[in-house]
Amino acid sequence: MSMTIGLYRPGDTVLHRLPVGAKLLGLAVLSIAIVVLRGPLLAVGFLGVAVVLALIGRLDLAATARALRVVLVIAVVVALLQWWLFTLPRAVESLLDLVSLALLALTLTVTTPTTETLDAVVRWIRPLRRVGVDPERVALTISMAIQALPGTLTIAQETRDAARARGLGRSPRAYLTPFVIRVVARAHETGDALKARGLGD
């Protein structure tokens, strides 16, 4: 079975059975720890925790690698900048931290139905309605962000394949320009659809 970012995969693992609140709280605690606690050794440890959780959730190895491919490219670029500006240990730490965060988020989305996550968010922020926050709109925004990730990755793949078919696979302009245009066009289409449903204000 294929797996993309934001797509729930049914199962009977411990992570699948955990309440969504416990999983979101765990993700928040681990994410804060990864950002706050510094050091390459700690980064290795956090990556180990993320890998163990992914194994517990029985994430498909090949599908996970495909889903994290774009994140890995970004992480490598960030690490190279960190190496240039600071030190190699700092670069390694940044690389491992980004991969750990992405893997933890992916494990959550694969083991938790999106509807359960959104329902939990709506329940938690409902008291903020008194200060003008619309829980349903917040949930809609989160849902759209989750759904947009796989679509954006698909556009990136299609644009790269088209550039290669024209013999321009090594030209950044041949890839980036149409990619940006298509992503912006998709955003405009989504905005127009929301306005047509009275949600554009």
C-alpha atoms as a PDB file:
ATOM      1  CA  MET A   1       0.000   0.000   0.000  1.00  0.00           C
ATOM      2  CA  SER A   2       1.358   3.406  -0.911  1.00  0.00           C
ATOM      3  CA  MET A   3       1.611   6.135   1.659  1.00  0.00           C
ATOM      4  CA  THR A   4       1.869   9.872   1.323  1.00  0.00           C
ATOM      5  CA  ILE A   5       2.152  12.654   3.832  1.00  0.00           C
ATOM      6  CA  GLY A   6      -1.120  13.206   5.663  1.00  0.00           C
ATOM      7  CA  LEU A   7      -2.667   9.835   4.643  1.00  0.00           C
ATOM      8  CA  TYR A   8      -3.947   7.610   7.433  1.00  0.00           C
ATOM      9  CA  ARG A   9      -3.088   3.922   7.222  1.00  0.00           C
ATOM     10  CA  PRO A  10      -5.359   1.648   9.302  1.00  0.00           C
ATOM     11  CA  GLY A  11      -3.694  -0.713  11.753  1.00  0.00           C
ATOM     12  CA  ASP A  12      -3.844  -2.252  15.215  1.00  0.00           C
ATOM     13  CA  THR A  13      -0.525  -1.096  16.655  1.00  0.00           C
ATOM     14  CA  VAL A  14      -0.099   0.590  20.032  1.00  0.00           C
ATOM     15  CA  LEU A  15       0.187   3.968  18.311  1.00  0.00           C
ATOM     16  CA  HIS A  16      -3.012   3.385  16.365  1.00  0.00           C
ATOM     17  CA  ARG A  17      -4.889   2.605  19.596  1.00  0.00           C
ATOM     18  CA  LEU A  18      -3.571   5.550  21.605  1.00  0.00           C
ATOM     19  CA  PRO A  19      -5.982   8.484  22.075  1.00  0.00           C
ATOM     20  CA  VAL A  20      -5.326  11.326  19.670  1.00  0.00           C
ATOM     21  CA  GLY A  21      -4.747  13.715  22.584  1.00  0.00           C
ATOM     22  CA  ALA A  22      -1.929  11.587  23.959  1.00  0.00           C
ATOM     23  CA  LYS A  23      -0.288  11.383  20.543  1.00  0.00           C
ATOM     24  CA  LEU A  24      -0.501  15.118  19.907  1.00  0.00           C
ATOM     25  CA  LEU A  25       0.847  15.852  23.373  1.00  0.00           C
ATOM     26  CA  GLY A  26       3.697  13.393  22.831  1.00  0.00           C
ATOM     27  CA  LEU A  27       4.513  14.966  19.484  1.00  0.00           C
ATOM     28  CA  ALA A  28       4.541  18.430  21.060  1.00  0.00           C
ATOM     29  CA  VAL A  29       6.802  17.352  23.938  1.00  0.00           C
ATOM     30  CA  LEU A  30       9.257  15.562  21.648  1.00  0.00           C
ATOM     31  CA  SER A  31       9.311  18.452  19.171  1.00  0.00           C
ATOM     32  CA  ILE A  32      10.053  20.990  21.911  1.00  0.00           C
ATOM     33  CA  ALA A  33      12.783  18.741  23.317  1.00  0.00           C
ATOM     34  CA  ILE A  34      14.382  18.365  19.882  1.00  0.00           C
ATOM     35  CA  VAL A  35      14.432  22.136  19.384  1.00  0.00           C
ATOM     36  CA  VAL A  36      15.524  23.091  22.915  1.00  0.00           C
ATOM     37  CA  LEU A  37      18.064  20.387  23.778  1.00  0.00           C
ATOM     38  CA  ARG A  38      21.283  20.820  21.800  1.00  0.00           C
ATOM     39  CA  GLY A  39      24.104  18.500  20.820  1.00  0.00           C
ATOM     40  CA  PRO A  40      24.844  15.925  18.089  1.00  0.00           C
ATOM     41  CA  LEU A  41      24.571  12.997  20.502  1.00  0.00           C
ATOM     42  CA  LEU A  42      21.131  14.105  21.637  1.00  0.00           C
ATOM     43  CA  ALA A  43      20.151  14.549  17.990  1.00  0.00           C
ATOM     44  CA  VAL A  44      21.153  10.940  17.328  1.00  0.00           C
ATOM     45  CA  GLY A  45      19.108   9.848  20.326  1.00  0.00           C
ATOM     46  CA  PHE A  46      16.018  11.743  19.171  1.00  0.00           C
ATOM     47  CA  LEU A  47      16.359  10.244  15.700  1.00  0.00           C
ATOM     48  CA  GLY A  48      16.534   6.819  17.324  1.00  0.00           C
ATOM     49  CA  VAL A  49      13.308   7.538  19.210  1.00  0.00           C
ATOM     50  CA  ALA A  50      11.619   8.678  15.984  1.00  0.00           C
ATOM     51  CA  VAL A  51      12.744   5.521  14.165  1.00  0.00           C
ATOM     52  CA  VAL A  52      11.506   3.286  17.000  1.00  0.00           C
ATOM     53  CA  LEU A  53       8.101   4.994  16.967  1.00  0.00           C
ATOM     54  CA  ALA A  54       7.912   4.585  13.189  1.00  0.00           C
ATOM     55  CA  LEU A  55       8.688   0.888  13.576  1.00  0.00           C
ATOM     56  CA  ILE A  56       6.034   0.545  16.292  1.00  0.00           C
ATOM     57  CA  GLY A  57       3.543   2.209  13.966  1.00  0.00           C
ATOM     58  CA  ARG A  58       4.629  -0.189  11.209  1.00  0.00           C
ATOM     59  CA  LEU A  59       5.315   2.488   8.637  1.00  0.00           C
ATOM     60  CA  ASP A  60       6.258   1.042   5.272  1.00  0.00           C
ATOM     61  CA  LEU A  61       9.989   1.623   4.781  1.00  0.00           C
ATOM     62  CA  ALA A  62       9.945   2.370   1.044  1.00  0.00           C
ATOM     63  CA  ALA A  63       6.869   4.596   1.257  1.00  0.00           C
ATOM     64  CA  THR A  64       8.329   6.477   4.219  1.00  0.00           C
ATOM     65  CA  ALA A  65      11.564   7.080   2.339  1.00  0.00           C
ATOM     66  CA  ARG A  66       9.615   8.502  -0.607  1.00  0.00           C
ATOM     67  CA  ALA A  67       7.508  10.712   1.663  1.00  0.00           C
ATOM     68  CA  LEU A  68      10.585  12.106   3.421  1.00  0.00           C
ATOM     69  CA  ARG A  69      12.630  12.619   0.260  1.00  0.00           C
ATOM     70  CA  VAL A  70      11.796  16.306  -0.125  1.00  0.00           C
ATOM     71  CA  VAL A  71      12.343  16.910   3.601  1.00  0.00           C
ATOM     72  CA  LEU A  72      15.735  15.221   3.361  1.00  0.00           C
ATOM     73  CA  VAL A  73      16.788  17.481   0.480  1.00  0.00           C
ATOM     74  CA  ILE A  74      15.806  20.563   2.497  1.00  0.00           C
ATOM     75  CA  ALA A  75      17.581  19.178   5.569  1.00  0.00           C
ATOM     76  CA  VAL A  76      20.783  18.624   3.584  1.00  0.00           C
ATOM     77  CA  VAL A  77      20.685  22.195   2.262  1.00  0.00           C
ATOM     78  CA  VAL A  78      20.153  23.562   5.778  1.00  0.00           C
ATOM     79  CA  ALA A  79      22.971  21.384   7.104  1.00  0.00           C
ATOM     80  CA  LEU A  80      25.365  22.624   4.434  1.00  0.00           C
ATOM     81  CA  LEU A  81      24.538  26.219   5.363  1.00  0.00           C
ATOM     82  CA  GLN A  82      25.073  25.420   9.039  1.00  0.00           C
ATOM     83  CA  TRP A  83      28.420  23.837   8.221  1.00  0.00           C
ATOM     84  CA  TRP A  84      29.468  26.891   6.216  1.00  0.00           C
ATOM     85  CA  LEU A  85      28.311  29.395   8.829  1.00  0.00           C
ATOM     86  CA  PHE A  86      29.128  27.471  11.997  1.00  0.00           C
ATOM     87  CA  THR A  87      30.595  23.977  12.519  1.00  0.00           C
ATOM     88  CA  LEU A  88      30.202  20.432  11.220  1.00  0.00           C
ATOM     89  CA  PRO A  89      28.669  19.139  14.503  1.00  0.00           C
ATOM     90  CA  ARG A  90      26.066  21.904  14.312  1.00  0.00           C
ATOM     91  CA  ALA A  91      25.303  20.901  10.720  1.00  0.00           C
ATOM     92  CA  VAL A  92      24.907  17.231  11.631  1.00  0.00           C
ATOM     93  CA  GLU A  93      22.640  18.180  14.515  1.00  0.00           C
ATOM     94  CA  SER A  94      20.419  20.307  12.277  1.00  0.00           C
ATOM     95  CA  LEU A  95      20.149  17.545   9.681  1.00  0.00           C
ATOM     96  CA  LEU A  96      19.198  14.901  12.234  1.00  0.00           C
ATOM     97  CA  ASP A  97      16.749  17.201  14.035  1.00  0.00           C
ATOM     98  CA  LEU A  98      14.841  18.043  10.849  1.00  0.00           C
ATOM     99  CA  VAL A  99      14.608  14.394   9.828  1.00  0.00           C
ATOM    100  CA  SER A 100      13.452  13.447  13.331  1.00  0.00           C
ATOM    101  CA  LEU A 101      10.725  16.102  13.357  1.00  0.00           C
ATOM    102  CA  ALA A 102       9.501  15.072   9.910  1.00  0.00           C
ATOM    103  CA  LEU A 103       9.472  11.375  10.810  1.00  0.00           C
ATOM    104  CA  LEU A 104       7.566  12.023  14.035  1.00  0.00           C
ATOM    105  CA  ALA A 105       4.950  14.093  12.194  1.00  0.00           C
ATOM    106  CA  LEU A 106       4.632  11.446   9.500  1.00  0.00           C
ATOM    107  CA  THR A 107       4.192   8.708  12.107  1.00  0.00           C
ATOM    108  CA  LEU A 108       1.380  10.702  13.689  1.00  0.00           C
ATOM    109  CA  THR A 109      -0.471  11.256  10.424  1.00  0.00           C
ATOM    110  CA  VAL A 110      -0.096   7.644   9.334  1.00  0.00           C
ATOM    111  CA  THR A 111      -1.396   6.243  12.637  1.00  0.00           C
ATOM    112  CA  THR A 112      -4.120   8.835  13.286  1.00  0.00           C
ATOM    113  CA  PRO A 113      -7.156   9.634  11.097  1.00  0.00           C
ATOM    114  CA  THR A 114      -7.117  13.272  10.057  1.00  0.00           C
ATOM    115  CA  THR A 115     -10.737  13.673  11.189  1.00  0.00           C
ATOM    116  CA  GLU A 116      -9.814  12.648  14.743  1.00  0.00           C
ATOM    117  CA  THR A 117      -6.965  15.150  14.824  1.00  0.00           C
ATOM    118  CA  LEU A 118      -9.179  17.967  13.553  1.00  0.00           C
ATOM    119  CA  ASP A 119     -11.992  17.100  15.983  1.00  0.00           C
ATOM    120  CA  ALA A 120      -9.515  17.220  18.859  1.00  0.00           C
ATOM    121  CA  VAL A 121      -8.194  20.624  17.740  1.00  0.00           C
ATOM    122  CA  VAL A 122     -11.740  21.988  17.505  1.00  0.00           C
ATOM    123  CA  ARG A 123     -12.549  20.753  21.030  1.00  0.00           C
ATOM    124  CA  TRP A 124      -9.400  22.243  22.510  1.00  0.00           C
ATOM    125  CA  ILE A 125      -9.737  25.697  20.969  1.00  0.00           C
ATOM    126  CA  ARG A 126     -13.525  25.993  21.338  1.00  0.00           C
ATOM    127  CA  PRO A 127     -13.146  28.171  24.481  1.00  0.00           C
ATOM    128  CA  LEU A 128     -11.240  30.684  22.330  1.00  0.00           C
ATOM    129  CA  ARG A 129     -14.473  31.398  20.470  1.00  0.00           C
ATOM    130  CA  ARG A 130     -15.112  34.050  23.138  1.00  0.00           C
ATOM    131  CA  VAL A 131     -12.154  36.081  21.842  1.00  0.00           C
ATOM    132  CA  GLY A 132     -13.138  35.771  18.188  1.00  0.00           C
ATOM    133  CA  VAL A 133     -11.420  32.519  17.165  1.00  0.00           C
ATOM    134  CA  ASP A 134     -13.513  30.302  14.885  1.00  0.00           C
ATOM    135  CA  PRO A 135     -12.584  26.656  15.679  1.00  0.00           C
ATOM    136  CA  GLU A 136     -14.142  25.360  12.464  1.00  0.00           C
ATOM    137  CA  ARG A 137     -12.100  27.746  10.335  1.00  0.00           C
ATOM    138  CA  VAL A 138      -8.923  26.749  12.168  1.00  0.00           C
ATOM    139  CA  ALA A 139      -9.733  23.082  11.535  1.00  0.00           C
ATOM    140  CA  LEU A 140     -10.412  23.847   7.871  1.00  0.00           C
ATOM    141  CA  THR A 141      -7.056  25.610   7.569  1.00  0.00           C
ATOM    142  CA  ILE A 142      -5.216  22.657   9.104  1.00  0.00           C
ATOM    143  CA  SER A 143      -7.085  20.215   6.888  1.00  0.00           C
ATOM    144  CA  MET A 144      -6.215  22.189   3.761  1.00  0.00           C
ATOM    145  CA  ALA A 145      -2.556  22.355   4.785  1.00  0.00           C
ATOM    146  CA  ILE A 146      -2.436  18.578   5.263  1.00  0.00           C
ATOM    147  CA  GLN A 147      -4.127  17.956   1.938  1.00  0.00           C
ATOM    148  CA  ALA A 148      -1.904  20.464   0.133  1.00  0.00           C
ATOM    149  CA  LEU A 149       1.359  18.683   0.983  1.00  0.00           C
ATOM    150  CA  PRO A 150       0.822  15.578  -1.182  1.00  0.00           C
ATOM    151  CA  GLY A 151      -0.515  17.750  -4.007  1.00  0.00           C
ATOM    152  CA  THR A 152       2.525  20.013  -3.894  1.00  0.00           C
ATOM    153  CA  LEU A 153       4.864  17.022  -3.955  1.00  0.00           C
ATOM    154  CA  THR A 154       2.983  15.656  -6.971  1.00  0.00           C
ATOM    155  CA  ILE A 155       3.349  18.974  -8.786  1.00  0.00           C
ATOM    156  CA  ALA A 156       7.063  18.989  -8.009  1.00  0.00           C
ATOM    157  CA  GLN A 157       7.477  15.471  -9.418  1.00  0.00           C
ATOM    158  CA  GLU A 158       5.455  16.233 -12.553  1.00  0.00           C
ATOM    159  CA  THR A 159       7.352  19.474 -13.181  1.00  0.00           C
ATOM    160  CA  ARG A 160      10.720  17.772 -12.782  1.00  0.00           C
ATOM    161  CA  ASP A 161       9.688  14.943 -15.134  1.00  0.00           C
ATOM    162  CA  ALA A 162       8.517  17.485 -17.716  1.00  0.00           C
ATOM    163  CA  ALA A 163      11.844  19.345 -17.519  1.00  0.00           C
ATOM    164  CA  ARG A 164      13.752  16.101 -17.968  1.00  0.00           C
ATOM    165  CA  ALA A 165      11.593  15.153 -20.965  1.00  0.00           C
ATOM    166  CA  ARG A 166      12.630  18.425 -22.622  1.00  0.00           C
ATOM    167  CA  GLY A 167      16.280  17.703 -21.878  1.00  0.00           C
ATOM    168  CA  LEU A 168      16.398  20.463 -19.250  1.00  0.00           C
ATOM    169  CA  GLY A 169      16.699  18.313 -16.146  1.00  0.00           C
ATOM    170  CA  ARG A 170      19.758  20.227 -14.932  1.00  0.00           C
ATOM    171  CA  SER A 171      18.307  23.686 -15.471  1.00  0.00           C
ATOM    172  CA  PRO A 172      16.931  25.177 -12.215  1.00  0.00           C
ATOM    173  CA  ARG A 173      14.890  27.729 -14.165  1.00  0.00           C
ATOM    174  CA  ALA A 174      13.209  25.022 -16.264  1.00  0.00           C
ATOM    175  CA  TYR A 175      12.056  23.368 -13.045  1.00  0.00           C
ATOM    176  CA  LEU A 176      11.493  26.155 -10.510  1.00  0.00           C
ATOM    177  CA  THR A 177       9.614  28.635 -12.724  1.00  0.00           C
ATOM    178  CA  PRO A 178       6.790  26.306 -13.829  1.00  0.00           C
ATOM    179  CA  PHE A 179       6.686  24.743 -10.359  1.00  0.00           C
ATOM    180  CA  VAL A 180       6.088  28.113  -8.669  1.00  0.00           C
ATOM    181  CA  ILE A 181       3.517  29.091 -11.314  1.00  0.00           C
ATOM    182  CA  ARG A 182       1.579  25.849 -10.834  1.00  0.00           C
ATOM    183  CA  VAL A 183       1.645  26.094  -7.031  1.00  0.00           C
ATOM    184  CA  VAL A 184       0.415  29.706  -7.113  1.00  0.00           C
ATOM    185  CA  ALA A 185      -2.289  28.775  -9.625  1.00  0.00           C
ATOM    186  CA  ARG A 186      -3.404  25.953  -7.353  1.00  0.00           C
ATOM    187  CA  ALA A 187      -3.569  28.374  -4.410  1.00  0.00           C
ATOM    188  CA  HIS A 188      -5.707  30.797  -6.450  1.00  0.00           C
ATOM    189  CA  GLU A 189      -8.051  27.970  -7.454  1.00  0.00           C
ATOM    190  CA  THR A 190      -8.437  26.949  -3.820  1.00  0.00           C
ATOM    191  CA  GLY A 191      -9.132  30.557  -2.812  1.00  0.00           C
ATOM    192  CA  ASP A 192     -11.764  30.929  -5.535  1.00  0.00           C
ATOM    193  CA  ALA A 193     -13.444  27.695  -4.406  1.00  0.00           C
ATOM    194  CA  LEU A 194     -13.553  28.929  -0.800  1.00  0.00           C
ATOM    195  CA  LYS A 195     -15.013  32.271  -1.861  1.00  0.00           C
ATOM    196  CA  ALA A 196     -17.687  30.488  -3.881  1.00  0.00           C
ATOM    197  CA  ARG A 197     -18.693  28.679  -0.688  1.00  0.00           C
ATOM    198  CA  GLY A 198     -18.740  31.859   1.363  1.00  0.00           C
ATOM    199  CA  LEU A 199     -15.488  31.056   3.219  1.00  0.00           C
ATOM    200  CA  GLY A 200     -13.216  33.599   1.626  1.00  0.00           C
ATOM    201  CA  ASP A 201     -13.636  36.410   4.155  1.00  0.00           C
END
